Amino acid sequence: MTLPAEKPAGQTADAGLLGRDAVVNLVATAAISSLAMTTRNRSVILTTNSDNGIAVVLPPVAESAGMWFTIHLVARATNDVTINDDADDADFAQVTLNLTNEQVILFSDGIHWFCMDGTVPKSVS
């Protein structure tokens, strides 16, 4: 008897195709204070509270070439969301979301991250 080949993580069982892009909805807690994004995390919805913020690390810029990513802070008490690259874009400066309903939309050209307005992220706040 031959067993079916195992599918790599993130692939569908029927066709071996990569799964769909994921929306991440994350609420800050003492145990959850960071998110290392993958290229499948195209939309991230975050909530911070008075005790905890969230540190987000973007996926590698080269692996993200041609992709758009949205990071949205829907609710904030006193702590912020900080966004950093994966240490592979020398021109990237940390982005801080510190207002309720503040968001950033980023695009990767494979070398740099760009804000929706076409600039290299310097700061949104």
N, C-alpha and C. Protein backbone atom coordinates (compact mmCIF):
# COMPACT_ATOMS: atom_id res chain seq x y z
N MET A 1 0.84 -1.18 0.00
CA MET A 1 0.00 0.00 0.00
C MET A 1 0.89 1.24 0.00
N THR A 2 0.59 2.18 -0.88
CA THR A 2 1.35 3.41 -0.97
C THR A 2 0.54 4.54 -0.39
N LEU A 3 1.15 5.29 0.54
CA LEU A 3 0.47 6.44 1.12
C LEU A 3 0.64 7.65 0.22
N PRO A 4 -0.35 8.56 0.21
CA PRO A 4 -0.20 9.76 -0.61
C PRO A 4 0.95 10.63 -0.10
N ALA A 5 1.56 11.34 -1.01
CA ALA A 5 2.66 12.23 -0.63
C ALA A 5 2.16 13.33 0.28
N GLU A 6 2.97 13.68 1.25
CA GLU A 6 2.60 14.74 2.18
C GLU A 6 2.71 16.10 1.48
N LYS A 7 1.73 16.96 1.72
CA LYS A 7 1.75 18.30 1.12
C LYS A 7 2.54 19.25 2.02
N PRO A 8 3.33 20.14 1.43
CA PRO A 8 4.02 21.14 2.24
C PRO A 8 3.03 22.02 2.99
N ALA A 9 3.46 22.56 4.12
CA ALA A 9 2.61 23.44 4.92
C ALA A 9 2.07 24.57 4.07
N GLY A 10 0.79 24.89 4.23
CA GLY A 10 0.17 25.99 3.51
C GLY A 10 -0.38 25.60 2.15
N GLN A 11 -0.29 24.33 1.78
CA GLN A 11 -0.83 23.92 0.48
C GLN A 11 -2.12 23.16 0.68
N THR A 12 -3.02 23.29 -0.30
CA THR A 12 -4.29 22.59 -0.22
C THR A 12 -4.05 21.10 -0.47
N ALA A 13 -4.92 20.29 0.12
CA ALA A 13 -4.75 18.85 0.00
C ALA A 13 -5.14 18.35 -1.39
N ASP A 14 -6.01 19.10 -2.10
CA ASP A 14 -6.50 18.57 -3.36
C ASP A 14 -5.57 18.85 -4.55
N ALA A 15 -5.01 20.04 -4.65
CA ALA A 15 -4.24 20.36 -5.84
C ALA A 15 -2.78 20.70 -5.55
N GLY A 16 -2.41 20.75 -4.30
CA GLY A 16 -1.04 21.11 -3.98
C GLY A 16 -0.74 22.57 -4.25
N LEU A 17 -1.78 23.40 -4.30
CA LEU A 17 -1.60 24.83 -4.54
C LEU A 17 -1.49 25.56 -3.23
N LEU A 18 -0.76 26.67 -3.25
CA LEU A 18 -0.64 27.47 -2.03
C LEU A 18 -2.01 27.96 -1.58
N GLY A 19 -2.18 28.01 -0.27
CA GLY A 19 -3.43 28.52 0.29
C GLY A 19 -3.60 29.99 0.00
N ARG A 20 -4.77 30.51 0.26
CA ARG A 20 -5.09 31.90 -0.02
C ARG A 20 -4.39 32.83 0.96
N ASP A 21 -4.34 34.10 0.59
CA ASP A 21 -3.77 35.10 1.49
C ASP A 21 -4.57 35.14 2.77
N ALA A 22 -3.89 35.37 3.88
CA ALA A 22 -4.54 35.35 5.18
C ALA A 22 -4.70 36.76 5.73
N VAL A 23 -5.84 36.99 6.39
CA VAL A 23 -6.05 38.22 7.14
C VAL A 23 -5.73 37.88 8.59
N VAL A 24 -4.85 38.64 9.21
CA VAL A 24 -4.47 38.40 10.59
C VAL A 24 -5.17 39.44 11.46
N ASN A 25 -5.92 38.98 12.45
CA ASN A 25 -6.58 39.86 13.41
C ASN A 25 -5.95 39.57 14.76
N LEU A 26 -5.16 40.51 15.29
CA LEU A 26 -4.35 40.26 16.48
C LEU A 26 -4.64 41.29 17.56
N VAL A 27 -4.91 40.80 18.76
CA VAL A 27 -5.12 41.66 19.93
C VAL A 27 -3.92 41.49 20.85
N ALA A 28 -3.32 42.61 21.23
CA ALA A 28 -2.12 42.56 22.08
C ALA A 28 -2.45 42.00 23.45
N THR A 29 -1.59 41.12 23.93
CA THR A 29 -1.66 40.60 25.29
C THR A 29 -0.22 40.47 25.78
N ALA A 30 -0.07 40.08 27.03
CA ALA A 30 1.28 39.88 27.56
C ALA A 30 1.98 38.77 26.78
N ALA A 31 1.22 37.77 26.31
CA ALA A 31 1.80 36.64 25.58
C ALA A 31 1.96 36.93 24.10
N ILE A 32 1.18 37.87 23.57
CA ILE A 32 1.22 38.19 22.14
C ILE A 32 1.57 39.66 21.99
N SER A 33 2.83 39.94 21.72
CA SER A 33 3.26 41.32 21.59
C SER A 33 4.03 41.58 20.29
N SER A 34 4.09 40.55 19.43
CA SER A 34 4.80 40.74 18.17
C SER A 34 4.17 39.86 17.10
N LEU A 35 4.44 40.25 15.85
CA LEU A 35 3.97 39.50 14.71
C LEU A 35 5.05 39.53 13.63
N ALA A 36 5.53 38.37 13.25
CA ALA A 36 6.46 38.26 12.12
C ALA A 36 5.61 37.89 10.91
N MET A 37 5.39 38.87 10.03
CA MET A 37 4.52 38.65 8.87
C MET A 37 5.19 37.72 7.86
N THR A 38 4.35 37.02 7.11
CA THR A 38 4.80 36.24 5.96
C THR A 38 4.20 36.88 4.72
N THR A 39 4.58 36.42 3.56
CA THR A 39 4.02 36.98 2.34
C THR A 39 2.54 36.66 2.19
N ARG A 40 2.02 35.75 2.98
CA ARG A 40 0.58 35.43 2.95
C ARG A 40 -0.22 36.36 3.84
N ASN A 41 0.41 37.11 4.74
CA ASN A 41 -0.30 38.03 5.64
C ASN A 41 -0.45 39.38 4.97
N ARG A 42 -1.35 39.49 4.00
CA ARG A 42 -1.49 40.72 3.24
C ARG A 42 -2.27 41.80 3.97
N SER A 43 -3.13 41.41 4.90
CA SER A 43 -3.93 42.37 5.66
C SER A 43 -3.84 42.02 7.13
N VAL A 44 -3.37 42.99 7.92
CA VAL A 44 -3.21 42.77 9.35
C VAL A 44 -4.04 43.81 10.10
N ILE A 45 -4.89 43.34 11.00
CA ILE A 45 -5.76 44.20 11.80
C ILE A 45 -5.33 44.04 13.25
N LEU A 46 -4.96 45.16 13.89
CA LEU A 46 -4.35 45.10 15.22
C LEU A 46 -5.14 45.91 16.25
N THR A 47 -5.07 45.45 17.49
CA THR A 47 -5.65 46.16 18.63
C THR A 47 -4.62 46.14 19.75
N THR A 48 -4.33 47.32 20.32
CA THR A 48 -3.44 47.38 21.47
C THR A 48 -4.26 47.79 22.69
N ASN A 49 -3.66 47.64 23.87
CA ASN A 49 -4.36 48.04 25.09
C ASN A 49 -3.40 48.82 25.98
N SER A 50 -3.85 49.13 27.19
CA SER A 50 -3.03 49.97 28.06
C SER A 50 -1.80 49.26 28.59
N ASP A 51 -1.76 47.93 28.48
CA ASP A 51 -0.61 47.18 28.98
C ASP A 51 0.34 46.71 27.89
N ASN A 52 -0.15 46.58 26.66
CA ASN A 52 0.66 45.94 25.62
C ASN A 52 0.55 46.62 24.27
N GLY A 53 1.68 46.76 23.60
CA GLY A 53 1.74 47.21 22.22
C GLY A 53 2.06 46.01 21.35
N ILE A 54 2.22 46.25 20.05
CA ILE A 54 2.54 45.17 19.13
C ILE A 54 3.68 45.63 18.22
N ALA A 55 4.69 44.78 18.08
CA ALA A 55 5.79 45.03 17.15
C ALA A 55 5.59 44.12 15.94
N VAL A 56 5.52 44.73 14.76
CA VAL A 56 5.30 43.98 13.52
C VAL A 56 6.59 44.01 12.70
N VAL A 57 6.98 42.84 12.18
CA VAL A 57 8.12 42.76 11.27
C VAL A 57 7.57 42.31 9.91
N LEU A 58 7.84 43.13 8.90
CA LEU A 58 7.39 42.82 7.54
C LEU A 58 8.11 41.59 7.01
N PRO A 59 7.53 40.91 6.03
CA PRO A 59 8.25 39.79 5.41
C PRO A 59 9.45 40.32 4.62
N PRO A 60 10.36 39.46 4.24
CA PRO A 60 11.52 39.91 3.47
C PRO A 60 11.08 40.68 2.21
N VAL A 61 11.72 41.81 1.96
CA VAL A 61 11.33 42.69 0.86
C VAL A 61 11.49 41.98 -0.50
N ALA A 62 12.52 41.17 -0.66
CA ALA A 62 12.73 40.48 -1.94
C ALA A 62 11.64 39.44 -2.20
N GLU A 63 11.23 38.71 -1.15
CA GLU A 63 10.18 37.70 -1.31
C GLU A 63 8.81 38.34 -1.54
N SER A 64 8.67 39.62 -1.21
CA SER A 64 7.40 40.32 -1.30
C SER A 64 7.26 41.15 -2.57
N ALA A 65 8.17 41.00 -3.50
CA ALA A 65 8.17 41.82 -4.72
C ALA A 65 6.81 41.77 -5.42
N GLY A 66 6.29 42.97 -5.72
CA GLY A 66 5.01 43.08 -6.42
C GLY A 66 3.79 42.95 -5.54
N MET A 67 3.96 42.85 -4.23
CA MET A 67 2.84 42.65 -3.32
C MET A 67 2.52 43.90 -2.51
N TRP A 68 1.24 44.05 -2.16
CA TRP A 68 0.74 45.13 -1.30
C TRP A 68 0.39 44.54 0.06
N PHE A 69 0.67 45.29 1.13
CA PHE A 69 0.36 44.86 2.49
C PHE A 69 -0.33 46.02 3.23
N THR A 70 -1.37 45.71 3.96
CA THR A 70 -2.10 46.71 4.75
C THR A 70 -1.99 46.35 6.22
N ILE A 71 -1.59 47.32 7.03
CA ILE A 71 -1.54 47.14 8.49
C ILE A 71 -2.41 48.23 9.09
N HIS A 72 -3.41 47.81 9.85
CA HIS A 72 -4.43 48.73 10.36
C HIS A 72 -4.54 48.59 11.88
N LEU A 73 -4.41 49.70 12.59
CA LEU A 73 -4.60 49.74 14.04
C LEU A 73 -6.05 50.17 14.29
N VAL A 74 -6.93 49.23 14.63
CA VAL A 74 -8.35 49.55 14.77
C VAL A 74 -8.70 50.13 16.14
N ALA A 75 -7.98 49.72 17.17
CA ALA A 75 -8.27 50.23 18.51
C ALA A 75 -6.97 50.35 19.28
N ARG A 76 -6.84 51.46 20.01
CA ARG A 76 -5.62 51.72 20.77
C ARG A 76 -5.98 52.34 22.10
N ALA A 77 -5.35 51.85 23.15
CA ALA A 77 -5.52 52.48 24.47
C ALA A 77 -4.35 53.45 24.66
N THR A 78 -3.22 52.95 25.12
CA THR A 78 -2.06 53.82 25.30
C THR A 78 -0.81 53.31 24.60
N ASN A 79 -0.83 52.10 24.08
CA ASN A 79 0.36 51.54 23.44
C ASN A 79 0.25 51.55 21.92
N ASP A 80 1.39 51.60 21.26
CA ASP A 80 1.47 51.77 19.82
C ASP A 80 1.77 50.46 19.10
N VAL A 81 1.69 50.53 17.78
CA VAL A 81 2.15 49.47 16.89
C VAL A 81 3.39 50.00 16.19
N THR A 82 4.47 49.24 16.25
CA THR A 82 5.68 49.62 15.53
C THR A 82 5.88 48.62 14.39
N ILE A 83 6.31 49.14 13.23
CA ILE A 83 6.49 48.31 12.05
C ILE A 83 7.93 48.45 11.58
N ASN A 84 8.60 47.33 11.42
CA ASN A 84 9.99 47.29 10.95
C ASN A 84 10.09 46.35 9.77
N ASP A 85 11.12 46.54 8.96
CA ASP A 85 11.35 45.59 7.88
C ASP A 85 12.16 44.42 8.42
N ASP A 86 12.45 43.47 7.55
CA ASP A 86 13.16 42.25 7.94
C ASP A 86 14.67 42.44 7.84
N ALA A 87 15.14 43.69 8.03
CA ALA A 87 16.56 44.05 7.99
C ALA A 87 17.18 43.86 6.61
N ASP A 88 16.34 43.93 5.56
CA ASP A 88 16.89 43.78 4.22
C ASP A 88 16.62 44.99 3.32
N ASP A 89 16.04 46.05 3.86
CA ASP A 89 15.85 47.31 3.13
C ASP A 89 16.57 48.39 3.92
N ALA A 90 17.75 48.77 3.46
CA ALA A 90 18.60 49.70 4.20
C ALA A 90 17.97 51.08 4.37
N ASP A 91 17.02 51.45 3.52
CA ASP A 91 16.40 52.78 3.59
C ASP A 91 15.14 52.81 4.45
N PHE A 92 14.69 51.68 4.95
CA PHE A 92 13.45 51.63 5.71
C PHE A 92 13.64 52.19 7.11
N ALA A 93 12.75 53.07 7.53
CA ALA A 93 12.74 53.59 8.89
C ALA A 93 11.48 53.09 9.58
N GLN A 94 11.59 52.80 10.85
CA GLN A 94 10.45 52.27 11.60
C GLN A 94 9.22 53.16 11.43
N VAL A 95 8.07 52.52 11.26
CA VAL A 95 6.79 53.20 11.16
C VAL A 95 6.05 52.95 12.46
N THR A 96 5.42 53.98 13.01
CA THR A 96 4.65 53.84 14.23
C THR A 96 3.20 54.22 13.97
N LEU A 97 2.28 53.33 14.34
CA LEU A 97 0.86 53.64 14.30
C LEU A 97 0.45 53.93 15.73
N ASN A 98 -0.06 55.14 15.99
CA ASN A 98 -0.39 55.51 17.37
C ASN A 98 -1.74 56.20 17.50
N LEU A 99 -2.59 56.05 16.49
CA LEU A 99 -3.94 56.60 16.54
C LEU A 99 -4.94 55.52 16.16
N THR A 100 -6.11 55.52 16.80
CA THR A 100 -7.16 54.58 16.43
C THR A 100 -7.51 54.78 14.96
N ASN A 101 -7.67 53.69 14.26
CA ASN A 101 -7.99 53.65 12.82
C ASN A 101 -6.89 54.19 11.92
N GLU A 102 -5.67 54.25 12.41
CA GLU A 102 -4.54 54.63 11.57
C GLU A 102 -4.07 53.38 10.84
N GLN A 103 -3.65 53.55 9.59
CA GLN A 103 -3.16 52.40 8.83
C GLN A 103 -2.06 52.83 7.89
N VAL A 104 -1.32 51.83 7.42
CA VAL A 104 -0.29 52.06 6.42
C VAL A 104 -0.46 50.97 5.37
N ILE A 105 -0.32 51.39 4.11
CA ILE A 105 -0.37 50.45 2.99
C ILE A 105 1.01 50.48 2.35
N LEU A 106 1.66 49.32 2.29
CA LEU A 106 3.03 49.21 1.81
C LEU A 106 3.11 48.34 0.56
N PHE A 107 4.02 48.71 -0.33
CA PHE A 107 4.28 47.96 -1.55
C PHE A 107 5.77 47.63 -1.61
N SER A 108 6.08 46.42 -2.05
CA SER A 108 7.48 46.02 -2.21
C SER A 108 7.81 45.91 -3.69
N ASP A 109 8.92 46.54 -4.10
CA ASP A 109 9.39 46.37 -5.47
C ASP A 109 10.49 45.31 -5.53
N GLY A 110 10.72 44.63 -4.40
CA GLY A 110 11.76 43.61 -4.32
C GLY A 110 13.07 44.14 -3.76
N ILE A 111 13.20 45.48 -3.71
CA ILE A 111 14.41 46.10 -3.17
C ILE A 111 14.06 47.01 -1.99
N HIS A 112 12.96 47.77 -2.13
CA HIS A 112 12.52 48.71 -1.10
C HIS A 112 11.04 48.55 -0.82
N TRP A 113 10.64 48.99 0.37
CA TRP A 113 9.24 49.13 0.73
C TRP A 113 8.82 50.57 0.42
N PHE A 114 7.61 50.74 -0.10
CA PHE A 114 7.08 52.06 -0.40
C PHE A 114 5.71 52.21 0.22
N CYS A 115 5.42 53.43 0.75
CA CYS A 115 4.08 53.74 1.21
C CYS A 115 3.19 53.94 -0.01
N MET A 116 1.89 53.91 0.21
CA MET A 116 0.95 54.05 -0.90
C MET A 116 1.19 55.33 -1.70
N ASP A 117 1.73 56.37 -1.05
CA ASP A 117 1.98 57.62 -1.77
C ASP A 117 3.29 57.58 -2.56
N GLY A 118 4.00 56.44 -2.55
CA GLY A 118 5.20 56.28 -3.36
C GLY A 118 6.50 56.59 -2.64
N THR A 119 6.43 56.97 -1.37
CA THR A 119 7.64 57.30 -0.63
C THR A 119 8.17 56.10 0.13
N VAL A 120 9.46 56.11 0.40
CA VAL A 120 10.04 55.09 1.27
C VAL A 120 9.60 55.42 2.68
N PRO A 121 9.11 54.45 3.47
CA PRO A 121 8.60 54.76 4.81
C PRO A 121 9.62 55.47 5.67
N LYS A 122 9.23 56.62 6.15
CA LYS A 122 10.04 57.38 7.10
C LYS A 122 9.30 57.43 8.43
N SER A 123 8.01 57.77 8.38
CA SER A 123 7.15 57.77 9.56
C SER A 123 5.76 58.20 9.12
N VAL A 124 4.75 57.57 9.69
CA VAL A 124 3.39 57.99 9.37
C VAL A 124 2.83 58.88 10.43
N SER A 125 3.47 58.96 11.56
CA SER A 125 2.91 59.77 12.63
C SER A 125 3.67 61.08 12.78
